[in-house]
Amino acid sequence: MSTVDIDTNPRTAVVTGAASGIGAAVATELVAAGWDVHGWDVADGVVERARHHVVDVADAAAVRAAAAEHDRLDLLVNCAGIGGSGRADELTPQQWDRVIGIDLSGTFYCCNALYGALAGRRGSVVNIASIVAHRAGPGRAAYCTAKAGVVMLTEVLATDWGPDGIRVNAVSPGYTRTPMVTRAIAGGRLDEQAIRDRVPLDRLADPAELARLVRALTGPDFAYMTGATVLFDGGWTANGAY
């Protein structure tokens, strides 16, 4: 039996990147708690009882069109993102623009377009950043830069929108057992043991536990929290012994 508490007053959320991975886990968690969830993604949705919309977050006009459907919104969770690798001297402008466009600009476009709806409900925003926003990694110039930008954008929005009653926070996950990470491990592109050797808790995160954190951040227990980034990495960034 599920241990998810049902919200007595159903609220509305937009979750980007809801077709898979962390986004799907967040959408599932919110739906189970009684939220009216709208999933935005370029792929077909998989979460039952969520309303799925095909939206490319890197397309500002498409985001504005989708946002026009919402006059009031309680929560925006920006999960849409892609990885990307390549040394700074090897990246093409197109590769750089694609990662920045989805991971950073896409987060901004969604926040910007849904501001009015969020203000109408004194809503909350949770942006999904990454541990690479806090620790640089070789060959990941675009991804590290984009996620660091998400952290700073979170802080700026918190200061801009606090007077409107909108709280804006971020979560920086460590390696999480999403389908993408699972495929990378199976294909030899990621070394699971090397990751676990650096993580004091000796495991990868489960998307469902990350989703529970996102939901908790929207609740009354964190009503005074804004502009913060929560490291959710099993101690990865704390471990300097590597």
C-alpha atoms as a PDB file:
ATOM      1  CA  MET A   1       0.000   0.000   0.000  1.00  0.00           C
ATOM      2  CA  SER A   2       1.290   3.467  -0.869  1.00  0.00           C
ATOM      3  CA  THR A   3       2.405   5.698   1.988  1.00  0.00           C
ATOM      4  CA  VAL A   4       1.844   8.896  -0.004  1.00  0.00           C
ATOM      5  CA  ASP A   5      -0.402  11.362   1.813  1.00  0.00           C
ATOM      6  CA  ILE A   6      -3.254  12.658  -0.330  1.00  0.00           C
ATOM      7  CA  ASP A   7      -3.523  16.433  -0.511  1.00  0.00           C
ATOM      8  CA  THR A   8      -7.006  17.420   0.658  1.00  0.00           C
ATOM      9  CA  ASN A   9      -7.167  20.368  -1.745  1.00  0.00           C
ATOM     10  CA  PRO A  10      -5.940  19.185  -5.169  1.00  0.00           C
ATOM     11  CA  ARG A  11      -3.432  21.559  -6.661  1.00  0.00           C
ATOM     12  CA  THR A  12      -2.074  22.021 -10.170  1.00  0.00           C
ATOM     13  CA  ALA A  13       1.500  21.392 -11.274  1.00  0.00           C
ATOM     14  CA  VAL A  14       3.478  21.593 -14.490  1.00  0.00           C
ATOM     15  CA  VAL A  15       6.362  19.120 -14.669  1.00  0.00           C
ATOM     16  CA  THR A  16       8.760  19.419 -17.596  1.00  0.00           C
ATOM     17  CA  GLY A  17      10.653  16.406 -18.855  1.00  0.00           C
ATOM     18  CA  ALA A  18       7.793  14.284 -17.512  1.00  0.00           C
ATOM     19  CA  ALA A  19       8.073  11.476 -20.059  1.00  0.00           C
ATOM     20  CA  SER A  20      10.962   9.695 -18.355  1.00  0.00           C
ATOM     21  CA  GLY A  21      13.500   9.658 -15.568  1.00  0.00           C
ATOM     22  CA  ILE A  22      13.278  12.173 -12.747  1.00  0.00           C
ATOM     23  CA  GLY A  23      10.448  14.070 -14.416  1.00  0.00           C
ATOM     24  CA  ALA A  24       8.301  10.946 -14.677  1.00  0.00           C
ATOM     25  CA  ALA A  25       9.039  10.087 -11.049  1.00  0.00           C
ATOM     26  CA  VAL A  26       8.018  13.570  -9.914  1.00  0.00           C
ATOM     27  CA  ALA A  27       4.824  13.442 -11.974  1.00  0.00           C
ATOM     28  CA  THR A  28       4.006  10.016 -10.534  1.00  0.00           C
ATOM     29  CA  GLU A  29       4.563  11.225  -6.963  1.00  0.00           C
ATOM     30  CA  LEU A  30       2.357  14.263  -7.422  1.00  0.00           C
ATOM     31  CA  VAL A  31      -0.434  12.346  -9.164  1.00  0.00           C
ATOM     32  CA  ALA A  32      -0.448   9.803  -6.329  1.00  0.00           C
ATOM     33  CA  ALA A  33      -0.830  12.683  -3.873  1.00  0.00           C
ATOM     34  CA  GLY A  34      -3.878  13.994  -5.693  1.00  0.00           C
ATOM     35  CA  TRP A  35      -2.328  16.780  -7.747  1.00  0.00           C
ATOM     36  CA  ASP A  36      -3.590  17.769 -11.190  1.00  0.00           C
ATOM     37  CA  VAL A  37      -0.361  17.246 -13.130  1.00  0.00           C
ATOM     38  CA  HIS A  38       0.452  18.583 -16.586  1.00  0.00           C
ATOM     39  CA  GLY A  39       3.526  16.935 -18.072  1.00  0.00           C
ATOM     40  CA  TRP A  40       5.487  18.830 -20.722  1.00  0.00           C
ATOM     41  CA  ASP A  41       7.898  16.877 -22.896  1.00  0.00           C
ATOM     42  CA  VAL A  42       8.893  16.337 -26.513  1.00  0.00           C
ATOM     43  CA  ALA A  43       8.148  12.623 -26.051  1.00  0.00           C
ATOM     44  CA  ASP A  44       4.872  10.875 -25.289  1.00  0.00           C
ATOM     45  CA  GLY A  45       3.883  10.777 -21.631  1.00  0.00           C
ATOM     46  CA  VAL A  46       3.918   7.565 -19.620  1.00  0.00           C
ATOM     47  CA  VAL A  47       2.475   8.640 -16.266  1.00  0.00           C
ATOM     48  CA  GLU A  48      -1.124   7.559 -15.790  1.00  0.00           C
ATOM     49  CA  ARG A  49      -3.611  10.220 -14.688  1.00  0.00           C
ATOM     50  CA  ALA A  50      -1.266  13.026 -15.735  1.00  0.00           C
ATOM     51  CA  ARG A  51      -2.170  15.289 -18.643  1.00  0.00           C
ATOM     52  CA  HIS A  52       0.575  15.162 -21.225  1.00  0.00           C
ATOM     53  CA  HIS A  53       1.449  17.970 -23.625  1.00  0.00           C
ATOM     54  CA  VAL A  54       4.098  17.980 -26.357  1.00  0.00           C
ATOM     55  CA  VAL A  55       6.224  21.016 -25.538  1.00  0.00           C
ATOM     56  CA  ASP A  56       9.829  21.753 -26.488  1.00  0.00           C
ATOM     57  CA  VAL A  57      11.110  23.855 -23.590  1.00  0.00           C
ATOM     58  CA  ALA A  58      13.921  25.222 -25.762  1.00  0.00           C
ATOM     59  CA  ASP A  59      11.282  26.883 -27.973  1.00  0.00           C
ATOM     60  CA  ALA A  60      10.193  30.062 -26.184  1.00  0.00           C
ATOM     61  CA  ALA A  61       7.112  30.488 -28.376  1.00  0.00           C
ATOM     62  CA  ALA A  62       5.965  26.913 -27.735  1.00  0.00           C
ATOM     63  CA  VAL A  63       6.432  27.398 -24.007  1.00  0.00           C
ATOM     64  CA  ARG A  64       4.376  30.594 -24.051  1.00  0.00           C
ATOM     65  CA  ALA A  65       1.596  28.868 -25.975  1.00  0.00           C
ATOM     66  CA  ALA A  66       1.464  26.013 -23.464  1.00  0.00           C
ATOM     67  CA  ALA A  67       1.644  28.420 -20.527  1.00  0.00           C
ATOM     68  CA  ALA A  68      -1.362  30.340 -21.849  1.00  0.00           C
ATOM     69  CA  GLU A  69      -3.534  27.387 -20.798  1.00  0.00           C
ATOM     70  CA  HIS A  70      -2.805  28.118 -17.136  1.00  0.00           C
ATOM     71  CA  ASP A  71      -4.188  31.149 -15.375  1.00  0.00           C
ATOM     72  CA  ARG A  72      -3.295  29.749 -11.963  1.00  0.00           C
ATOM     73  CA  LEU A  73      -0.550  27.313 -11.032  1.00  0.00           C
ATOM     74  CA  ASP A  74       0.649  25.958  -7.683  1.00  0.00           C
ATOM     75  CA  LEU A  75       3.899  24.332  -8.764  1.00  0.00           C
ATOM     76  CA  LEU A  76       6.402  24.280 -11.611  1.00  0.00           C
ATOM     77  CA  VAL A  77       9.069  21.569 -11.597  1.00  0.00           C
ATOM     78  CA  ASN A  78      11.735  22.027 -14.263  1.00  0.00           C
ATOM     79  CA  CYS A  79      13.146  18.565 -14.955  1.00  0.00           C
ATOM     80  CA  ALA A  80      13.679  18.783 -18.719  1.00  0.00           C
ATOM     81  CA  GLY A  81      17.327  18.462 -19.593  1.00  0.00           C
ATOM     82  CA  ILE A  82      19.949  16.630 -21.602  1.00  0.00           C
ATOM     83  CA  GLY A  83      23.535  15.687 -20.920  1.00  0.00           C
ATOM     84  CA  GLY A  84      26.275  16.314 -23.402  1.00  0.00           C
ATOM     85  CA  SER A  85      29.998  15.844 -23.385  1.00  0.00           C
ATOM     86  CA  GLY A  86      32.978  17.372 -25.076  1.00  0.00           C
ATOM     87  CA  ARG A  87      35.984  19.469 -24.200  1.00  0.00           C
ATOM     88  CA  ALA A  88      35.525  23.206 -24.493  1.00  0.00           C
ATOM     89  CA  ASP A  89      37.931  23.323 -27.450  1.00  0.00           C
ATOM     90  CA  GLU A  90      36.042  20.554 -29.250  1.00  0.00           C
ATOM     91  CA  LEU A  91      32.412  21.595 -28.774  1.00  0.00           C
ATOM     92  CA  THR A  92      30.666  23.016 -31.800  1.00  0.00           C
ATOM     93  CA  PRO A  93      28.412  26.054 -31.370  1.00  0.00           C
ATOM     94  CA  GLN A  94      25.463  23.798 -32.199  1.00  0.00           C
ATOM     95  CA  GLN A  95      26.346  21.322 -29.440  1.00  0.00           C
ATOM     96  CA  TRP A  96      26.802  24.148 -26.939  1.00  0.00           C
ATOM     97  CA  ASP A  97      23.538  25.829 -27.921  1.00  0.00           C
ATOM     98  CA  ARG A  98      21.541  22.603 -27.659  1.00  0.00           C
ATOM     99  CA  VAL A  99      22.580  21.869 -24.068  1.00  0.00           C
ATOM    100  CA  ILE A 100      22.303  25.483 -22.916  1.00  0.00           C
ATOM    101  CA  GLY A 101      19.026  25.862 -24.809  1.00  0.00           C
ATOM    102  CA  ILE A 102      17.284  22.953 -23.095  1.00  0.00           C
ATOM    103  CA  ASP A 103      18.907  22.857 -19.657  1.00  0.00           C
ATOM    104  CA  LEU A 104      19.248  26.568 -18.877  1.00  0.00           C
ATOM    105  CA  SER A 105      17.221  28.613 -21.352  1.00  0.00           C
ATOM    106  CA  GLY A 106      14.381  26.091 -21.186  1.00  0.00           C
ATOM    107  CA  THR A 107      14.239  26.458 -17.414  1.00  0.00           C
ATOM    108  CA  PHE A 108      14.133  30.236 -17.761  1.00  0.00           C
ATOM    109  CA  TYR A 109      11.490  30.185 -20.504  1.00  0.00           C
ATOM    110  CA  CYS A 110       9.153  28.061 -18.379  1.00  0.00           C
ATOM    111  CA  CYS A 111       9.624  30.191 -15.274  1.00  0.00           C
ATOM    112  CA  ASN A 112       9.182  33.388 -17.251  1.00  0.00           C
ATOM    113  CA  ALA A 113       6.059  32.237 -19.094  1.00  0.00           C
ATOM    114  CA  LEU A 114       4.349  30.830 -16.000  1.00  0.00           C
ATOM    115  CA  TYR A 115       5.162  33.697 -13.626  1.00  0.00           C
ATOM    116  CA  GLY A 116       1.668  35.178 -13.744  1.00  0.00           C
ATOM    117  CA  ALA A 117      -0.006  31.827 -13.073  1.00  0.00           C
ATOM    118  CA  LEU A 118       2.342  31.133 -10.166  1.00  0.00           C
ATOM    119  CA  ALA A 119       1.842  34.589  -8.681  1.00  0.00           C
ATOM    120  CA  GLY A 120      -1.906  34.080  -8.739  1.00  0.00           C
ATOM    121  CA  ARG A 121      -1.521  31.124  -6.376  1.00  0.00           C
ATOM    122  CA  ARG A 122       1.614  32.201  -4.485  1.00  0.00           C
ATOM    123  CA  GLY A 123       3.097  29.062  -5.950  1.00  0.00           C
ATOM    124  CA  SER A 124       6.428  27.299  -5.859  1.00  0.00           C
ATOM    125  CA  VAL A 125       9.157  26.432  -8.352  1.00  0.00           C
ATOM    126  CA  VAL A 126      11.627  23.560  -8.036  1.00  0.00           C
ATOM    127  CA  ASN A 127      14.452  23.482 -10.582  1.00  0.00           C
ATOM    128  CA  ILE A 128      16.468  20.312 -11.108  1.00  0.00           C
ATOM    129  CA  ALA A 129      20.157  21.186 -11.266  1.00  0.00           C
ATOM    130  CA  SER A 130      23.010  18.683 -10.755  1.00  0.00           C
ATOM    131  CA  ILE A 131      26.106  17.959  -8.717  1.00  0.00           C
ATOM    132  CA  VAL A 132      28.091  19.256 -11.694  1.00  0.00           C
ATOM    133  CA  ALA A 133      26.719  22.707 -10.892  1.00  0.00           C
ATOM    134  CA  HIS A 134      29.032  22.571  -7.865  1.00  0.00           C
ATOM    135  CA  ARG A 135      31.973  20.467  -9.083  1.00  0.00           C
ATOM    136  CA  ALA A 136      33.463  20.799 -12.552  1.00  0.00           C
ATOM    137  CA  GLY A 137      33.986  17.722 -14.654  1.00  0.00           C
ATOM    138  CA  PRO A 138      36.374  17.364 -17.582  1.00  0.00           C
ATOM    139  CA  GLY A 139      34.755  17.222 -20.987  1.00  0.00           C
ATOM    140  CA  ARG A 140      31.417  18.597 -19.764  1.00  0.00           C
ATOM    141  CA  ALA A 141      31.738  22.303 -20.476  1.00  0.00           C
ATOM    142  CA  ALA A 142      28.189  22.885 -21.674  1.00  0.00           C
ATOM    143  CA  TYR A 143      26.434  20.688 -19.109  1.00  0.00           C
ATOM    144  CA  CYS A 144      28.354  22.000 -16.092  1.00  0.00           C
ATOM    145  CA  THR A 145      27.814  25.583 -17.220  1.00  0.00           C
ATOM    146  CA  ALA A 146      24.100  25.063 -17.837  1.00  0.00           C
ATOM    147  CA  LYS A 147      23.465  23.464 -14.458  1.00  0.00           C
ATOM    148  CA  ALA A 148      25.508  26.090 -12.619  1.00  0.00           C
ATOM    149  CA  GLY A 149      23.354  28.643 -14.400  1.00  0.00           C
ATOM    150  CA  VAL A 150      20.220  26.901 -13.125  1.00  0.00           C
ATOM    151  CA  VAL A 151      21.466  27.293  -9.544  1.00  0.00           C
ATOM    152  CA  MET A 152      22.115  31.011 -10.002  1.00  0.00           C
ATOM    153  CA  LEU A 153      18.827  31.501 -11.850  1.00  0.00           C
ATOM    154  CA  THR A 154      17.099  29.890  -8.873  1.00  0.00           C
ATOM    155  CA  GLU A 155      18.663  32.421  -6.515  1.00  0.00           C
ATOM    156  CA  VAL A 156      17.795  35.376  -8.740  1.00  0.00           C
ATOM    157  CA  LEU A 157      14.187  34.275  -9.167  1.00  0.00           C
ATOM    158  CA  ALA A 158      13.856  33.789  -5.418  1.00  0.00           C
ATOM    159  CA  THR A 159      14.880  37.396  -4.827  1.00  0.00           C
ATOM    160  CA  ASP A 160      12.764  38.736  -7.697  1.00  0.00           C
ATOM    161  CA  TRP A 161       9.634  36.800  -6.845  1.00  0.00           C
ATOM    162  CA  GLY A 162       9.744  36.513  -3.067  1.00  0.00           C
ATOM    163  CA  PRO A 163       7.619  39.666  -2.637  1.00  0.00           C
ATOM    164  CA  ASP A 164       4.982  37.967  -4.829  1.00  0.00           C
ATOM    165  CA  GLY A 165       4.869  34.966  -2.515  1.00  0.00           C
ATOM    166  CA  ILE A 166       6.580  32.645  -5.009  1.00  0.00           C
ATOM    167  CA  ARG A 167       9.251  30.371  -3.558  1.00  0.00           C
ATOM    168  CA  VAL A 168      11.985  29.124  -5.892  1.00  0.00           C
ATOM    169  CA  ASN A 169      14.365  26.340  -4.897  1.00  0.00           C
ATOM    170  CA  ALA A 170      16.586  23.831  -6.668  1.00  0.00           C
ATOM    171  CA  VAL A 171      17.720  20.274  -6.142  1.00  0.00           C
ATOM    172  CA  SER A 172      21.132  19.070  -7.280  1.00  0.00           C
ATOM    173  CA  PRO A 173      20.927  15.289  -7.651  1.00  0.00           C
ATOM    174  CA  GLY A 174      23.899  13.031  -7.822  1.00  0.00           C
ATOM    175  CA  TYR A 175      23.953   9.971 -10.032  1.00  0.00           C
ATOM    176  CA  THR A 176      20.365   8.713 -10.151  1.00  0.00           C
ATOM    177  CA  ARG A 177      19.224   5.362 -11.509  1.00  0.00           C
ATOM    178  CA  THR A 178      17.183   6.740 -14.386  1.00  0.00           C
ATOM    179  CA  PRO A 179      16.755   4.825 -17.652  1.00  0.00           C
ATOM    180  CA  MET A 180      19.403   7.065 -19.241  1.00  0.00           C
ATOM    181  CA  VAL A 181      21.963   6.312 -16.516  1.00  0.00           C
ATOM    182  CA  THR A 182      21.082   2.620 -16.560  1.00  0.00           C
ATOM    183  CA  ARG A 183      21.720   2.502 -20.318  1.00  0.00           C
ATOM    184  CA  ALA A 184      25.008   4.361 -19.909  1.00  0.00           C
ATOM    185  CA  ILE A 185      26.182   1.850 -17.300  1.00  0.00           C
ATOM    186  CA  ALA A 186      25.112  -1.103 -19.443  1.00  0.00           C
ATOM    187  CA  GLY A 187      26.893   0.396 -22.451  1.00  0.00           C
ATOM    188  CA  GLY A 188      30.124   0.998 -20.560  1.00  0.00           C
ATOM    189  CA  ARG A 189      29.877   4.784 -20.745  1.00  0.00           C
ATOM    190  CA  LEU A 190      29.554   5.043 -16.966  1.00  0.00           C
ATOM    191  CA  ASP A 191      31.395   2.992 -14.352  1.00  0.00           C
ATOM    192  CA  GLU A 192      28.911   2.265 -11.565  1.00  0.00           C
ATOM    193  CA  GLN A 193      31.556   0.975  -9.184  1.00  0.00           C
ATOM    194  CA  ALA A 194      33.668   4.105  -9.640  1.00  0.00           C
ATOM    195  CA  ILE A 195      30.622   6.234  -8.845  1.00  0.00           C
ATOM    196  CA  ARG A 196      29.784   4.197  -5.745  1.00  0.00           C
ATOM    197  CA  ASP A 197      33.398   4.347  -4.576  1.00  0.00           C
ATOM    198  CA  ARG A 198      33.032   8.123  -4.288  1.00  0.00           C
ATOM    199  CA  VAL A 199      29.543   8.095  -2.738  1.00  0.00           C
ATOM    200  CA  PRO A 200      29.727   7.552   1.050  1.00  0.00           C
ATOM    201  CA  LEU A 201      26.274   5.917   1.006  1.00  0.00           C
ATOM    202  CA  ASP A 202      27.594   3.470  -1.619  1.00  0.00           C
ATOM    203  CA  ARG A 203      24.687   3.548  -4.036  1.00  0.00           C
ATOM    204  CA  LEU A 204      22.952   5.566  -6.725  1.00  0.00           C
ATOM    205  CA  ALA A 205      19.821   7.555  -5.952  1.00  0.00           C
ATOM    206  CA  ASP A 206      16.357   6.229  -6.727  1.00  0.00           C
ATOM    207  CA  PRO A 207      14.211   8.637  -8.788  1.00  0.00           C
ATOM    208  CA  ALA A 208      11.261   8.000  -6.454  1.00  0.00           C
ATOM    209  CA  GLU A 209      13.121   9.258  -3.389  1.00  0.00           C
ATOM    210  CA  LEU A 210      14.169  12.376  -5.266  1.00  0.00           C
ATOM    211  CA  ALA A 211      10.534  12.904  -6.248  1.00  0.00           C
ATOM    212  CA  ARG A 212       9.507  12.737  -2.594  1.00  0.00           C
ATOM    213  CA  LEU A 213      11.995  15.489  -1.793  1.00  0.00           C
ATOM    214  CA  VAL A 214      10.599  17.682  -4.569  1.00  0.00           C
ATOM    215  CA  ARG A 215       7.089  17.245  -3.249  1.00  0.00           C
ATOM    216  CA  ALA A 216       8.195  17.988   0.315  1.00  0.00           C
ATOM    217  CA  LEU A 217       9.785  21.267  -0.788  1.00  0.00           C
ATOM    218  CA  THR A 218       6.380  22.466  -1.972  1.00  0.00           C
ATOM    219  CA  GLY A 219       4.728  21.894   1.385  1.00  0.00           C
ATOM    220  CA  PRO A 220       4.183  24.001   4.520  1.00  0.00           C
ATOM    221  CA  ASP A 221       7.184  22.503   6.323  1.00  0.00           C
ATOM    222  CA  PHE A 222       9.428  24.452   3.936  1.00  0.00           C
ATOM    223  CA  ALA A 223       7.346  27.624   3.690  1.00  0.00           C
ATOM    224  CA  TYR A 224      10.319  29.799   4.713  1.00  0.00           C
ATOM    225  CA  MET A 225      12.758  28.187   2.292  1.00  0.00           C
ATOM    226  CA  THR A 226      13.569  29.962  -0.965  1.00  0.00           C
ATOM    227  CA  GLY A 227      16.674  30.540  -3.044  1.00  0.00           C
ATOM    228  CA  ALA A 228      18.212  27.320  -1.723  1.00  0.00           C
ATOM    229  CA  THR A 229      19.782  24.413  -3.562  1.00  0.00           C
ATOM    230  CA  VAL A 230      19.568  21.014  -1.888  1.00  0.00           C
ATOM    231  CA  LEU A 231      22.393  18.581  -2.598  1.00  0.00           C
ATOM    232  CA  PHE A 232      20.858  15.133  -2.999  1.00  0.00           C
ATOM    233  CA  ASP A 233      23.912  13.065  -3.787  1.00  0.00           C
ATOM    234  CA  GLY A 234      24.622  10.537  -1.038  1.00  0.00           C
ATOM    235  CA  GLY A 235      27.594  12.639   0.062  1.00  0.00           C
ATOM    236  CA  TRP A 236      29.286  12.758  -3.366  1.00  0.00           C
ATOM    237  CA  THR A 237      30.194  16.449  -3.222  1.00  0.00           C
ATOM    238  CA  ALA A 238      31.225  16.212   0.443  1.00  0.00           C
ATOM    239  CA  ASN A 239      33.753  13.480  -0.280  1.00  0.00           C
ATOM    240  CA  GLY A 240      37.101  15.102  -0.989  1.00  0.00           C
ATOM    241  CA  ALA A 241      39.030  11.838  -0.656  1.00  0.00           C
ATOM    242  CA  TYR A 242      39.242  10.952  -4.319  1.00  0.00           C
END
